[in-house]
Amino acid sequence: MKKWSWILLIVVILIGAFFLYFNNSKEEKEASEKEIVRNAVEDYLFKEKGYSKEDIKNIEIKYNDKATGVYYKTYAYVTYSDEPDIQYIYFVLEENQKVEHGGFANMGEDAEPKHEPLAGGNS
């Protein structure tokens, strides 16, 4: 009976270690992805588009572990200083870290964004 208790204890410890490792791995991947996306979006805004840090009110990085496709599961919500009521959503391609504007959040129906065009090129 003692032998089975030890085996059971070892199995429980191994299963616990596996779940602990898997959870830490997932958190590390998420943190790494967030850093990649933040750096790519900042490079896009400041170097490619020529904005200054004063032009950007906030960059919020979000992670969606259910996302699939060619983009990272992490994306950026950018608020410009001159448009505090509109959030621009940017995605980053995994293949080449290219930043793409993906849409808007918190935007009223009559809003006319200044920094990226509406779908269909209306702005």
PDB file of N, CA and C in Angstrom:
ATOM      1  N   MET A   1       0.820  -1.196   0.000  1.00  0.00           N
ATOM      2  CA  MET A   1       0.000   0.000   0.000  1.00  0.00           C
ATOM      3  C   MET A   1       0.867   1.264   0.000  1.00  0.00           C
ATOM      4  N   LYS A   2       1.959   1.240   0.710  1.00  0.00           N
ATOM      5  CA  LYS A   2       2.849   2.388   0.767  1.00  0.00           C
ATOM      6  C   LYS A   2       3.436   2.685  -0.614  1.00  0.00           C
ATOM      7  N   LYS A   3       3.724   1.646  -1.381  1.00  0.00           N
ATOM      8  CA  LYS A   3       4.289   1.811  -2.714  1.00  0.00           C
ATOM      9  C   LYS A   3       3.320   2.599  -3.598  1.00  0.00           C
ATOM     10  N   TRP A   4       2.017   2.277  -3.535  1.00  0.00           N
ATOM     11  CA  TRP A   4       1.014   2.969  -4.349  1.00  0.00           C
ATOM     12  C   TRP A   4       0.862   4.427  -3.907  1.00  0.00           C
ATOM     13  N   SER A   5       1.008   4.695  -2.653  1.00  0.00           N
ATOM     14  CA  SER A   5       0.920   6.073  -2.159  1.00  0.00           C
ATOM     15  C   SER A   5       2.048   6.921  -2.745  1.00  0.00           C
ATOM     16  N   TRP A   6       3.241   6.364  -2.791  1.00  0.00           N
ATOM     17  CA  TRP A   6       4.388   7.081  -3.357  1.00  0.00           C
ATOM     18  C   TRP A   6       4.191   7.311  -4.858  1.00  0.00           C
ATOM     19  N   ILE A   7       3.706   6.305  -5.540  1.00  0.00           N
ATOM     20  CA  ILE A   7       3.479   6.444  -6.982  1.00  0.00           C
ATOM     21  C   ILE A   7       2.433   7.525  -7.241  1.00  0.00           C
ATOM     22  N   LEU A   8       1.352   7.492  -6.473  1.00  0.00           N
ATOM     23  CA  LEU A   8       0.308   8.501  -6.615  1.00  0.00           C
ATOM     24  C   LEU A   8       0.848   9.901  -6.329  1.00  0.00           C
ATOM     25  N   LEU A   9       1.654  10.034  -5.300  1.00  0.00           N
ATOM     26  CA  LEU A   9       2.252  11.317  -4.955  1.00  0.00           C
ATOM     27  C   LEU A   9       3.142  11.823  -6.092  1.00  0.00           C
ATOM     28  N   ILE A  10       3.941  10.950  -6.659  1.00  0.00           N
ATOM     29  CA  ILE A  10       4.830  11.335  -7.760  1.00  0.00           C
ATOM     30  C   ILE A  10       4.012  11.763  -8.984  1.00  0.00           C
ATOM     31  N   VAL A  11       2.951  11.021  -9.281  1.00  0.00           N
ATOM     32  CA  VAL A  11       2.097  11.372 -10.417  1.00  0.00           C
ATOM     33  C   VAL A  11       1.458  12.748 -10.198  1.00  0.00           C
ATOM     34  N   VAL A  12       0.962  13.008  -9.015  1.00  0.00           N
ATOM     35  CA  VAL A  12       0.347  14.299  -8.704  1.00  0.00           C
ATOM     36  C   VAL A  12       1.380  15.423  -8.837  1.00  0.00           C
ATOM     37  N   ILE A  13       2.580  15.202  -8.354  1.00  0.00           N
ATOM     38  CA  ILE A  13       3.645  16.214  -8.459  1.00  0.00           C
ATOM     39  C   ILE A  13       4.001  16.466  -9.921  1.00  0.00           C
ATOM     40  N   LEU A  14       4.105  15.416 -10.718  1.00  0.00           N
ATOM     41  CA  LEU A  14       4.429  15.582 -12.139  1.00  0.00           C
ATOM     42  C   LEU A  14       3.328  16.337 -12.892  1.00  0.00           C
ATOM     43  N   ILE A  15       2.087  16.018 -12.601  1.00  0.00           N
ATOM     44  CA  ILE A  15       0.980  16.721 -13.241  1.00  0.00           C
ATOM     45  C   ILE A  15       0.981  18.191 -12.823  1.00  0.00           C
ATOM     46  N   GLY A  16       1.204  18.450 -11.558  1.00  0.00           N
ATOM     47  CA  GLY A  16       1.277  19.827 -11.072  1.00  0.00           C
ATOM     48  C   GLY A  16       2.413  20.601 -11.728  1.00  0.00           C
ATOM     49  N   ALA A  17       3.564  19.954 -11.855  1.00  0.00           N
ATOM     50  CA  ALA A  17       4.722  20.603 -12.487  1.00  0.00           C
ATOM     51  C   ALA A  17       4.421  20.921 -13.951  1.00  0.00           C
ATOM     52  N   PHE A  18       3.748  19.998 -14.637  1.00  0.00           N
ATOM     53  CA  PHE A  18       3.392  20.209 -16.035  1.00  0.00           C
ATOM     54  C   PHE A  18       2.490  21.436 -16.170  1.00  0.00           C
ATOM     55  N   PHE A  19       1.442  21.521 -15.356  1.00  0.00           N
ATOM     56  CA  PHE A  19       0.525  22.658 -15.432  1.00  0.00           C
ATOM     57  C   PHE A  19       1.215  23.959 -15.056  1.00  0.00           C
ATOM     58  N   LEU A  20       2.099  23.921 -14.093  1.00  0.00           N
ATOM     59  CA  LEU A  20       2.846  25.107 -13.694  1.00  0.00           C
ATOM     60  C   LEU A  20       3.738  25.581 -14.840  1.00  0.00           C
ATOM     61  N   TYR A  21       4.431  24.645 -15.474  1.00  0.00           N
ATOM     62  CA  TYR A  21       5.298  24.971 -16.609  1.00  0.00           C
ATOM     63  C   TYR A  21       4.475  25.547 -17.754  1.00  0.00           C
ATOM     64  N   PHE A  22       3.360  24.900 -18.095  1.00  0.00           N
ATOM     65  CA  PHE A  22       2.514  25.344 -19.198  1.00  0.00           C
ATOM     66  C   PHE A  22       1.985  26.751 -18.945  1.00  0.00           C
ATOM     67  N   ASN A  23       1.533  27.036 -17.739  1.00  0.00           N
ATOM     68  CA  ASN A  23       1.002  28.345 -17.394  1.00  0.00           C
ATOM     69  C   ASN A  23       2.089  29.416 -17.487  1.00  0.00           C
ATOM     70  N   ASN A  24       3.283  29.132 -16.965  1.00  0.00           N
ATOM     71  CA  ASN A  24       4.389  30.092 -17.044  1.00  0.00           C
ATOM     72  C   ASN A  24       4.794  30.331 -18.485  1.00  0.00           C
ATOM     73  N   SER A  25       4.807  29.276 -19.289  1.00  0.00           N
ATOM     74  CA  SER A  25       5.153  29.386 -20.702  1.00  0.00           C
ATOM     75  C   SER A  25       4.172  30.306 -21.416  1.00  0.00           C
ATOM     76  N   LYS A  26       2.899  30.139 -21.139  1.00  0.00           N
ATOM     77  CA  LYS A  26       1.856  30.954 -21.752  1.00  0.00           C
ATOM     78  C   LYS A  26       2.016  32.421 -21.355  1.00  0.00           C
ATOM     79  N   GLU A  27       2.283  32.679 -20.073  1.00  0.00           N
ATOM     80  CA  GLU A  27       2.469  34.054 -19.599  1.00  0.00           C
ATOM     81  C   GLU A  27       3.706  34.694 -20.221  1.00  0.00           C
ATOM     82  N   GLU A  28       4.784  33.920 -20.360  1.00  0.00           N
ATOM     83  CA  GLU A  28       6.004  34.438 -20.986  1.00  0.00           C
ATOM     84  C   GLU A  28       5.756  34.772 -22.453  1.00  0.00           C
ATOM     85  N   LYS A  29       5.022  33.906 -23.158  1.00  0.00           N
ATOM     86  CA  LYS A  29       4.714  34.147 -24.570  1.00  0.00           C
ATOM     87  C   LYS A  29       3.870  35.405 -24.714  1.00  0.00           C
ATOM     88  N   GLU A  30       2.873  35.557 -23.848  1.00  0.00           N
ATOM     89  CA  GLU A  30       2.012  36.737 -23.892  1.00  0.00           C
ATOM     90  C   GLU A  30       2.824  38.008 -23.643  1.00  0.00           C
ATOM     91  N   ALA A  31       3.692  37.990 -22.644  1.00  0.00           N
ATOM     92  CA  ALA A  31       4.521  39.159 -22.326  1.00  0.00           C
ATOM     93  C   ALA A  31       5.460  39.489 -23.488  1.00  0.00           C
ATOM     94  N   SER A  32       6.041  38.465 -24.091  1.00  0.00           N
ATOM     95  CA  SER A  32       6.948  38.660 -25.223  1.00  0.00           C
ATOM     96  C   SER A  32       6.194  39.249 -26.411  1.00  0.00           C
ATOM     97  N   GLU A  33       5.013  38.719 -26.670  1.00  0.00           N
ATOM     98  CA  GLU A  33       4.200  39.202 -27.786  1.00  0.00           C
ATOM     99  C   GLU A  33       3.790  40.656 -27.565  1.00  0.00           C
ATOM    100  N   LYS A  34       3.423  40.994 -26.335  1.00  0.00           N
ATOM    101  CA  LYS A  34       3.045  42.373 -26.028  1.00  0.00           C
ATOM    102  C   LYS A  34       4.206  43.328 -26.296  1.00  0.00           C
ATOM    103  N   GLU A  35       5.408  42.912 -25.934  1.00  0.00           N
ATOM    104  CA  GLU A  35       6.584  43.756 -26.161  1.00  0.00           C
ATOM    105  C   GLU A  35       6.851  43.922 -27.659  1.00  0.00           C
ATOM    106  N   ILE A  36       6.734  42.835 -28.427  1.00  0.00           N
ATOM    107  CA  ILE A  36       6.946  42.897 -29.878  1.00  0.00           C
ATOM    108  C   ILE A  36       5.944  43.857 -30.518  1.00  0.00           C
ATOM    109  N   VAL A  37       4.685  43.726 -30.133  1.00  0.00           N
ATOM    110  CA  VAL A  37       3.639  44.566 -30.720  1.00  0.00           C
ATOM    111  C   VAL A  37       3.825  46.024 -30.317  1.00  0.00           C
ATOM    112  N   ARG A  38       4.110  46.283 -29.041  1.00  0.00           N
ATOM    113  CA  ARG A  38       4.340  47.669 -28.604  1.00  0.00           C
ATOM    114  C   ARG A  38       5.492  48.294 -29.392  1.00  0.00           C
ATOM    115  N   ASN A  39       6.604  47.579 -29.524  1.00  0.00           N
ATOM    116  CA  ASN A  39       7.756  48.110 -30.258  1.00  0.00           C
ATOM    117  C   ASN A  39       7.423  48.356 -31.723  1.00  0.00           C
ATOM    118  N   ALA A  40       6.707  47.420 -32.350  1.00  0.00           N
ATOM    119  CA  ALA A  40       6.352  47.572 -33.761  1.00  0.00           C
ATOM    120  C   ALA A  40       5.421  48.768 -33.966  1.00  0.00           C
ATOM    121  N   VAL A  41       4.428  48.910 -33.095  1.00  0.00           N
ATOM    122  CA  VAL A  41       3.479  50.025 -33.228  1.00  0.00           C
ATOM    123  C   VAL A  41       4.184  51.359 -32.953  1.00  0.00           C
ATOM    124  N   GLU A  42       5.030  51.405 -31.950  1.00  0.00           N
ATOM    125  CA  GLU A  42       5.773  52.644 -31.672  1.00  0.00           C
ATOM    126  C   GLU A  42       6.685  53.002 -32.845  1.00  0.00           C
ATOM    127  N   ASP A  43       7.385  52.016 -33.420  1.00  0.00           N
ATOM    128  CA  ASP A  43       8.220  52.284 -34.599  1.00  0.00           C
ATOM    129  C   ASP A  43       7.372  52.817 -35.746  1.00  0.00           C
ATOM    130  N   TYR A  44       6.214  52.213 -35.955  1.00  0.00           N
ATOM    131  CA  TYR A  44       5.309  52.643 -37.016  1.00  0.00           C
ATOM    132  C   TYR A  44       4.860  54.094 -36.800  1.00  0.00           C
ATOM    133  N   LEU A  45       4.422  54.405 -35.590  1.00  0.00           N
ATOM    134  CA  LEU A  45       3.910  55.744 -35.312  1.00  0.00           C
ATOM    135  C   LEU A  45       4.998  56.812 -35.321  1.00  0.00           C
ATOM    136  N   PHE A  46       6.111  56.525 -34.649  1.00  0.00           N
ATOM    137  CA  PHE A  46       7.134  57.554 -34.458  1.00  0.00           C
ATOM    138  C   PHE A  46       8.129  57.639 -35.611  1.00  0.00           C
ATOM    139  N   LYS A  47       8.510  56.523 -36.169  1.00  0.00           N
ATOM    140  CA  LYS A  47       9.517  56.543 -37.246  1.00  0.00           C
ATOM    141  C   LYS A  47       8.880  56.600 -38.632  1.00  0.00           C
ATOM    142  N   GLU A  48       7.934  55.697 -38.881  1.00  0.00           N
ATOM    143  CA  GLU A  48       7.342  55.621 -40.213  1.00  0.00           C
ATOM    144  C   GLU A  48       6.352  56.761 -40.468  1.00  0.00           C
ATOM    145  N   LYS A  49       5.467  57.039 -39.513  1.00  0.00           N
ATOM    146  CA  LYS A  49       4.444  58.077 -39.688  1.00  0.00           C
ATOM    147  C   LYS A  49       4.912  59.458 -39.221  1.00  0.00           C
ATOM    148  N   GLY A  50       5.984  59.529 -38.427  1.00  0.00           N
ATOM    149  CA  GLY A  50       6.552  60.801 -38.017  1.00  0.00           C
ATOM    150  C   GLY A  50       5.860  61.506 -36.865  1.00  0.00           C
ATOM    151  N   TYR A  51       5.061  60.804 -36.086  1.00  0.00           N
ATOM    152  CA  TYR A  51       4.412  61.412 -34.930  1.00  0.00           C
ATOM    153  C   TYR A  51       5.424  61.584 -33.796  1.00  0.00           C
ATOM    154  N   SER A  52       5.158  62.565 -32.942  1.00  0.00           N
ATOM    155  CA  SER A  52       5.985  62.749 -31.746  1.00  0.00           C
ATOM    156  C   SER A  52       5.279  62.097 -30.569  1.00  0.00           C
ATOM    157  N   LYS A  53       5.978  61.945 -29.476  1.00  0.00           N
ATOM    158  CA  LYS A  53       5.371  61.365 -28.276  1.00  0.00           C
ATOM    159  C   LYS A  53       4.215  62.234 -27.768  1.00  0.00           C
ATOM    160  N   GLU A  54       4.278  63.527 -28.007  1.00  0.00           N
ATOM    161  CA  GLU A  54       3.214  64.437 -27.592  1.00  0.00           C
ATOM    162  C   GLU A  54       1.948  64.233 -28.432  1.00  0.00           C
ATOM    163  N   ASP A  55       2.098  63.716 -29.647  1.00  0.00           N
ATOM    164  CA  ASP A  55       0.949  63.473 -30.525  1.00  0.00           C
ATOM    165  C   ASP A  55       0.117  62.277 -30.062  1.00  0.00           C
ATOM    166  N   ILE A  56       0.730  61.405 -29.274  1.00  0.00           N
ATOM    167  CA  ILE A  56       0.075  60.182 -28.840  1.00  0.00           C
ATOM    168  C   ILE A  56      -0.307  60.321 -27.372  1.00  0.00           C
ATOM    169  N   LYS A  57      -1.598  60.208 -27.108  1.00  0.00           N
ATOM    170  CA  LYS A  57      -2.070  60.304 -25.721  1.00  0.00           C
ATOM    171  C   LYS A  57      -1.840  58.995 -24.984  1.00  0.00           C
ATOM    172  N   ASN A  58      -2.107  57.856 -25.671  1.00  0.00           N
ATOM    173  CA  ASN A  58      -2.010  56.568 -24.992  1.00  0.00           C
ATOM    174  C   ASN A  58      -1.868  55.440 -26.013  1.00  0.00           C
ATOM    175  N   ILE A  59      -1.093  54.440 -25.639  1.00  0.00           N
ATOM    176  CA  ILE A  59      -1.022  53.188 -26.390  1.00  0.00           C
ATOM    177  C   ILE A  59      -1.338  52.083 -25.398  1.00  0.00           C
ATOM    178  N   GLU A  60      -2.452  51.417 -25.634  1.00  0.00           N
ATOM    179  CA  GLU A  60      -2.870  50.327 -24.746  1.00  0.00           C
ATOM    180  C   GLU A  60      -2.730  49.013 -25.506  1.00  0.00           C
ATOM    181  N   ILE A  61      -1.978  48.095 -24.934  1.00  0.00           N
ATOM    182  CA  ILE A  61      -1.735  46.800 -25.563  1.00  0.00           C
ATOM    183  C   ILE A  61      -2.695  45.789 -24.957  1.00  0.00           C
ATOM    184  N   LYS A  62      -3.405  45.065 -25.833  1.00  0.00           N
ATOM    185  CA  LYS A  62      -4.363  44.055 -25.373  1.00  0.00           C
ATOM    186  C   LYS A  62      -4.020  42.703 -25.985  1.00  0.00           C
ATOM    187  N   TYR A  63      -4.359  41.652 -25.247  1.00  0.00           N
ATOM    188  CA  TYR A  63      -4.076  40.279 -25.682  1.00  0.00           C
ATOM    189  C   TYR A  63      -5.374  39.501 -25.769  1.00  0.00           C
ATOM    190  N   ASN A  64      -5.562  38.771 -26.859  1.00  0.00           N
ATOM    191  CA  ASN A  64      -6.750  37.937 -27.048  1.00  0.00           C
ATOM    192  C   ASN A  64      -6.281  36.528 -27.385  1.00  0.00           C
ATOM    193  N   ASP A  65      -6.295  35.645 -26.405  1.00  0.00           N
ATOM    194  CA  ASP A  65      -5.754  34.296 -26.633  1.00  0.00           C
ATOM    195  C   ASP A  65      -6.630  33.456 -27.558  1.00  0.00           C
ATOM    196  N   LYS A  66      -7.805  33.939 -27.914  1.00  0.00           N
ATOM    197  CA  LYS A  66      -8.679  33.200 -28.835  1.00  0.00           C
ATOM    198  C   LYS A  66      -8.469  33.622 -30.290  1.00  0.00           C
ATOM    199  N   ALA A  67      -7.695  34.671 -30.508  1.00  0.00           N
ATOM    200  CA  ALA A  67      -7.453  35.165 -31.865  1.00  0.00           C
ATOM    201  C   ALA A  67      -6.642  34.149 -32.662  1.00  0.00           C
ATOM    202  N   THR A  68      -6.932  34.073 -33.946  1.00  0.00           N
ATOM    203  CA  THR A  68      -6.189  33.195 -34.848  1.00  0.00           C
ATOM    204  C   THR A  68      -5.884  33.956 -36.126  1.00  0.00           C
ATOM    205  N   GLY A  69      -5.013  33.426 -36.926  1.00  0.00           N
ATOM    206  CA  GLY A  69      -4.720  34.046 -38.209  1.00  0.00           C
ATOM    207  C   GLY A  69      -3.283  34.479 -38.326  1.00  0.00           C
ATOM    208  N   VAL A  70      -3.036  35.447 -39.206  1.00  0.00           N
ATOM    209  CA  VAL A  70      -1.682  35.870 -39.536  1.00  0.00           C
ATOM    210  C   VAL A  70      -1.146  36.954 -38.608  1.00  0.00           C
ATOM    211  N   TYR A  71      -2.014  37.478 -37.756  1.00  0.00           N
ATOM    212  CA  TYR A  71      -1.602  38.525 -36.828  1.00  0.00           C
ATOM    213  C   TYR A  71      -1.251  37.932 -35.466  1.00  0.00           C
ATOM    214  N   TYR A  72      -0.442  38.675 -34.708  1.00  0.00           N
ATOM    215  CA  TYR A  72      -0.223  38.305 -33.314  1.00  0.00           C
ATOM    216  C   TYR A  72      -1.556  38.363 -32.586  1.00  0.00           C
ATOM    217  N   LYS A  73      -1.665  37.646 -31.484  1.00  0.00           N
ATOM    218  CA  LYS A  73      -2.882  37.674 -30.672  1.00  0.00           C
ATOM    219  C   LYS A  73      -2.972  38.970 -29.868  1.00  0.00           C
ATOM    220  N   THR A  74      -1.948  39.760 -29.952  1.00  0.00           N
ATOM    221  CA  THR A  74      -1.865  41.030 -29.239  1.00  0.00           C
ATOM    222  C   THR A  74      -2.070  42.168 -30.232  1.00  0.00           C
ATOM    223  N   TYR A  75      -2.786  43.192 -29.823  1.00  0.00           N
ATOM    224  CA  TYR A  75      -3.030  44.334 -30.685  1.00  0.00           C
ATOM    225  C   TYR A  75      -2.954  45.605 -29.852  1.00  0.00           C
ATOM    226  N   ALA A  76      -2.905  46.746 -30.532  1.00  0.00           N
ATOM    227  CA  ALA A  76      -2.737  48.023 -29.841  1.00  0.00           C
ATOM    228  C   ALA A  76      -3.922  48.935 -30.082  1.00  0.00           C
ATOM    229  N   TYR A  77      -4.382  49.571 -29.010  1.00  0.00           N
ATOM    230  CA  TYR A  77      -5.380  50.633 -29.086  1.00  0.00           C
ATOM    231  C   TYR A  77      -4.606  51.938 -28.900  1.00  0.00           C
ATOM    232  N   VAL A  78      -4.633  52.786 -29.902  1.00  0.00           N
ATOM    233  CA  VAL A  78      -3.884  54.043 -29.857  1.00  0.00           C
ATOM    234  C   VAL A  78      -4.865  55.207 -29.800  1.00  0.00           C
ATOM    235  N   THR A  79      -4.639  56.103 -28.859  1.00  0.00           N
ATOM    236  CA  THR A  79      -5.424  57.325 -28.745  1.00  0.00           C
ATOM    237  C   THR A  79      -4.487  58.493 -29.047  1.00  0.00           C
ATOM    238  N   TYR A  80      -4.859  59.287 -30.029  1.00  0.00           N
ATOM    239  CA  TYR A  80      -4.067  60.464 -30.386  1.00  0.00           C
ATOM    240  C   TYR A  80      -4.489  61.634 -29.498  1.00  0.00           C
ATOM    241  N   SER A  81      -3.553  62.510 -29.209  1.00  0.00           N
ATOM    242  CA  SER A  81      -3.824  63.646 -28.315  1.00  0.00           C
ATOM    243  C   SER A  81      -4.915  64.561 -28.853  1.00  0.00           C
ATOM    244  N   ASP A  82      -4.968  64.735 -30.176  1.00  0.00           N
ATOM    245  CA  ASP A  82      -5.966  65.640 -30.748  1.00  0.00           C
ATOM    246  C   ASP A  82      -7.312  64.962 -31.025  1.00  0.00           C
ATOM    247  N   GLU A  83      -7.413  63.657 -30.742  1.00  0.00           N
ATOM    248  CA  GLU A  83      -8.675  62.928 -30.890  1.00  0.00           C
ATOM    249  C   GLU A  83      -8.866  61.988 -29.689  1.00  0.00           C
ATOM    250  N   PRO A  84      -9.074  62.550 -28.513  1.00  0.00           N
ATOM    251  CA  PRO A  84      -9.124  61.719 -27.309  1.00  0.00           C
ATOM    252  C   PRO A  84     -10.330  60.780 -27.228  1.00  0.00           C
ATOM    253  N   ASP A  85     -11.335  60.997 -28.090  1.00  0.00           N
ATOM    254  CA  ASP A  85     -12.531  60.162 -28.040  1.00  0.00           C
ATOM    255  C   ASP A  85     -12.526  59.019 -29.051  1.00  0.00           C
ATOM    256  N   ILE A  86     -11.457  58.893 -29.823  1.00  0.00           N
ATOM    257  CA  ILE A  86     -11.367  57.820 -30.814  1.00  0.00           C
ATOM    258  C   ILE A  86     -10.141  56.968 -30.509  1.00  0.00           C
ATOM    259  N   GLN A  87     -10.337  55.664 -30.518  1.00  0.00           N
ATOM    260  CA  GLN A  87      -9.202  54.754 -30.390  1.00  0.00           C
ATOM    261  C   GLN A  87      -8.980  54.079 -31.741  1.00  0.00           C
ATOM    262  N   TYR A  88      -7.761  54.117 -32.198  1.00  0.00           N
ATOM    263  CA  TYR A  88      -7.373  53.451 -33.435  1.00  0.00           C
ATOM    264  C   TYR A  88      -6.813  52.081 -33.059  1.00  0.00           C
ATOM    265  N   ILE A  89      -7.238  51.056 -33.762  1.00  0.00           N
ATOM    266  CA  ILE A  89      -6.774  49.705 -33.467  1.00  0.00           C
ATOM    267  C   ILE A  89      -5.742  49.303 -34.513  1.00  0.00           C
ATOM    268  N   TYR A  90      -4.579  48.836 -34.028  1.00  0.00           N
ATOM    269  CA  TYR A  90      -3.504  48.398 -34.914  1.00  0.00           C
ATOM    270  C   TYR A  90      -3.150  46.948 -34.624  1.00  0.00           C
ATOM    271  N   PHE A  91      -2.973  46.188 -35.717  1.00  0.00           N
ATOM    272  CA  PHE A  91      -2.554  44.793 -35.640  1.00  0.00           C
ATOM    273  C   PHE A  91      -1.154  44.669 -36.225  1.00  0.00           C
ATOM    274  N   VAL A  92      -0.436  43.630 -35.809  1.00  0.00           N
ATOM    275  CA  VAL A  92       0.926  43.412 -36.302  1.00  0.00           C
ATOM    276  C   VAL A  92       1.000  42.009 -36.897  1.00  0.00           C
ATOM    277  N   LEU A  93       1.469  41.933 -38.137  1.00  0.00           N
ATOM    278  CA  LEU A  93       1.645  40.641 -38.804  1.00  0.00           C
ATOM    279  C   LEU A  93       2.781  39.869 -38.151  1.00  0.00           C
ATOM    280  N   GLU A  94       2.553  38.601 -37.872  1.00  0.00           N
ATOM    281  CA  GLU A  94       3.594  37.770 -37.264  1.00  0.00           C
ATOM    282  C   GLU A  94       4.782  37.575 -38.206  1.00  0.00           C
ATOM    283  N   GLU A  95       4.502  37.425 -39.483  1.00  0.00           N
ATOM    284  CA  GLU A  95       5.533  37.097 -40.463  1.00  0.00           C
ATOM    285  C   GLU A  95       6.648  38.138 -40.546  1.00  0.00           C
ATOM    286  N   ASN A  96       6.262  39.425 -40.551  1.00  0.00           N
ATOM    287  CA  ASN A  96       7.261  40.467 -40.797  1.00  0.00           C
ATOM    288  C   ASN A  96       7.142  41.675 -39.863  1.00  0.00           C
ATOM    289  N   GLN A  97       6.315  41.596 -38.852  1.00  0.00           N
ATOM    290  CA  GLN A  97       6.071  42.666 -37.880  1.00  0.00           C
ATOM    291  C   GLN A  97       5.555  43.948 -38.530  1.00  0.00           C
ATOM    292  N   LYS A  98       4.922  43.832 -39.699  1.00  0.00           N
ATOM    293  CA  LYS A  98       4.319  44.986 -40.356  1.00  0.00           C
ATOM    294  C   LYS A  98       3.052  45.382 -39.595  1.00  0.00           C
ATOM    295  N   VAL A  99       2.890  46.689 -39.366  1.00  0.00           N
ATOM    296  CA  VAL A  99       1.734  47.210 -38.628  1.00  0.00           C
ATOM    297  C   VAL A  99       0.643  47.579 -39.624  1.00  0.00           C
ATOM    298  N   GLU A 100      -0.583  47.181 -39.293  1.00  0.00           N
ATOM    299  CA  GLU A 100      -1.729  47.517 -40.128  1.00  0.00           C
ATOM    300  C   GLU A 100      -2.848  48.099 -39.261  1.00  0.00           C
ATOM    301  N   HIS A 101      -3.461  49.152 -39.789  1.00  0.00           N
ATOM    302  CA  HIS A 101      -4.613  49.735 -39.102  1.00  0.00           C
ATOM    303  C   HIS A 101      -5.792  48.797 -39.313  1.00  0.00           C
ATOM    304  N   GLY A 102      -6.463  48.440 -38.202  1.00  0.00           N
ATOM    305  CA  GLY A 102      -7.535  47.468 -38.297  1.00  0.00           C
ATOM    306  C   GLY A 102      -8.920  48.003 -38.013  1.00  0.00           C
ATOM    307  N   GLY A 103      -9.030  49.241 -37.565  1.00  0.00           N
ATOM    308  CA  GLY A 103     -10.351  49.773 -37.275  1.00  0.00           C
ATOM    309  C   GLY A 103     -10.315  50.792 -36.148  1.00  0.00           C
ATOM    310  N   PHE A 104     -11.509  51.060 -35.633  1.00  0.00           N
ATOM    311  CA  PHE A 104     -11.667  52.077 -34.601  1.00  0.00           C
ATOM    312  C   PHE A 104     -12.492  51.528 -33.454  1.00  0.00           C
ATOM    313  N   ALA A 105     -12.334  52.129 -32.305  1.00  0.00           N
ATOM    314  CA  ALA A 105     -13.162  51.808 -31.137  1.00  0.00           C
ATOM    315  C   ALA A 105     -13.591  53.128 -30.504  1.00  0.00           C
ATOM    316  N   ASN A 106     -14.712  53.092 -29.818  1.00  0.00           N
ATOM    317  CA  ASN A 106     -15.227  54.273 -29.111  1.00  0.00           C
ATOM    318  C   ASN A 106     -15.384  55.475 -30.028  1.00  0.00           C
ATOM    319  N   MET A 107     -15.872  55.243 -31.244  1.00  0.00           N
ATOM    320  CA  MET A 107     -16.007  56.327 -32.203  1.00  0.00           C
ATOM    321  C   MET A 107     -17.485  56.553 -32.497  1.00  0.00           C
ATOM    322  N   GLY A 108     -17.913  57.790 -32.385  1.00  0.00           N
ATOM    323  CA  GLY A 108     -19.292  58.118 -32.711  1.00  0.00           C
ATOM    324  C   GLY A 108     -19.556  57.999 -34.204  1.00  0.00           C
ATOM    325  N   GLU A 109     -20.834  57.936 -34.573  1.00  0.00           N
ATOM    326  CA  GLU A 109     -21.204  57.758 -35.979  1.00  0.00           C
ATOM    327  C   GLU A 109     -20.738  58.911 -36.872  1.00  0.00           C
ATOM    328  N   ASP A 110     -20.731  60.114 -36.351  1.00  0.00           N
ATOM    329  CA  ASP A 110     -20.377  61.285 -37.151  1.00  0.00           C
ATOM    330  C   ASP A 110     -18.888  61.627 -37.097  1.00  0.00           C
ATOM    331  N   ALA A 111     -18.115  60.854 -36.382  1.00  0.00           N
ATOM    332  CA  ALA A 111     -16.687  61.152 -36.229  1.00  0.00           C
ATOM    333  C   ALA A 111     -15.958  60.980 -37.563  1.00  0.00           C
ATOM    334  N   GLU A 112     -14.991  61.845 -37.790  1.00  0.00           N
ATOM    335  CA  GLU A 112     -14.147  61.765 -38.980  1.00  0.00           C
ATOM    336  C   GLU A 112     -12.701  61.687 -38.520  1.00  0.00           C
ATOM    337  N   PRO A 113     -12.169  60.483 -38.402  1.00  0.00           N
ATOM    338  CA  PRO A 113     -10.800  60.329 -37.921  1.00  0.00           C
ATOM    339  C   PRO A 113      -9.784  61.014 -38.835  1.00  0.00           C
ATOM    340  N   LYS A 114      -8.777  61.589 -38.213  1.00  0.00           N
ATOM    341  CA  LYS A 114      -7.760  62.349 -38.944  1.00  0.00           C
ATOM    342  C   LYS A 114      -6.533  61.523 -39.323  1.00  0.00           C
ATOM    343  N   HIS A 115      -6.269  60.468 -38.569  1.00  0.00           N
ATOM    344  CA  HIS A 115      -4.963  59.823 -38.687  1.00  0.00           C
ATOM    345  C   HIS A 115      -4.940  58.566 -39.555  1.00  0.00           C
ATOM    346  N   GLU A 116      -6.065  57.938 -39.763  1.00  0.00           N
ATOM    347  CA  GLU A 116      -6.187  56.773 -40.638  1.00  0.00           C
ATOM    348  C   GLU A 116      -7.536  56.871 -41.323  1.00  0.00           C
ATOM    349  N   PRO A 117      -7.631  56.409 -42.564  1.00  0.00           N
ATOM    350  CA  PRO A 117      -8.919  56.513 -43.268  1.00  0.00           C
ATOM    351  C   PRO A 117      -9.954  55.535 -42.742  1.00  0.00           C
ATOM    352  N   LEU A 118     -11.222  55.922 -42.901  1.00  0.00           N
ATOM    353  CA  LEU A 118     -12.321  54.992 -42.644  1.00  0.00           C
ATOM    354  C   LEU A 118     -12.285  53.919 -43.720  1.00  0.00           C
ATOM    355  N   ALA A 119     -12.924  52.783 -43.477  1.00  0.00           N
ATOM    356  CA  ALA A 119     -13.014  51.737 -44.486  1.00  0.00           C
ATOM    357  C   ALA A 119     -13.637  52.333 -45.746  1.00  0.00           C
ATOM    358  N   GLY A 120     -13.081  51.990 -46.883  1.00  0.00           N
ATOM    359  CA  GLY A 120     -13.597  52.526 -48.136  1.00  0.00           C
ATOM    360  C   GLY A 120     -12.937  53.835 -48.539  1.00  0.00           C
ATOM    361  N   GLY A 121     -11.982  54.324 -47.732  1.00  0.00           N
ATOM    362  CA  GLY A 121     -11.227  55.519 -48.084  1.00  0.00           C
ATOM    363  C   GLY A 121     -12.011  56.813 -47.982  1.00  0.00           C
ATOM    364  N   ASN A 122     -12.921  56.905 -47.026  1.00  0.00           N
ATOM    365  CA  ASN A 122     -13.743  58.097 -46.892  1.00  0.00           C
ATOM    366  C   ASN A 122     -13.054  59.254 -46.194  1.00  0.00           C
ATOM    367  N   SER A 123     -11.824  59.118 -45.784  1.00  0.00           N
ATOM    368  CA  SER A 123     -11.208  60.218 -45.064  1.00  0.00           C
ATOM    369  C   SER A 123      -9.751  60.374 -45.395  1.00  0.00           C
TER     370      SER A 123
END
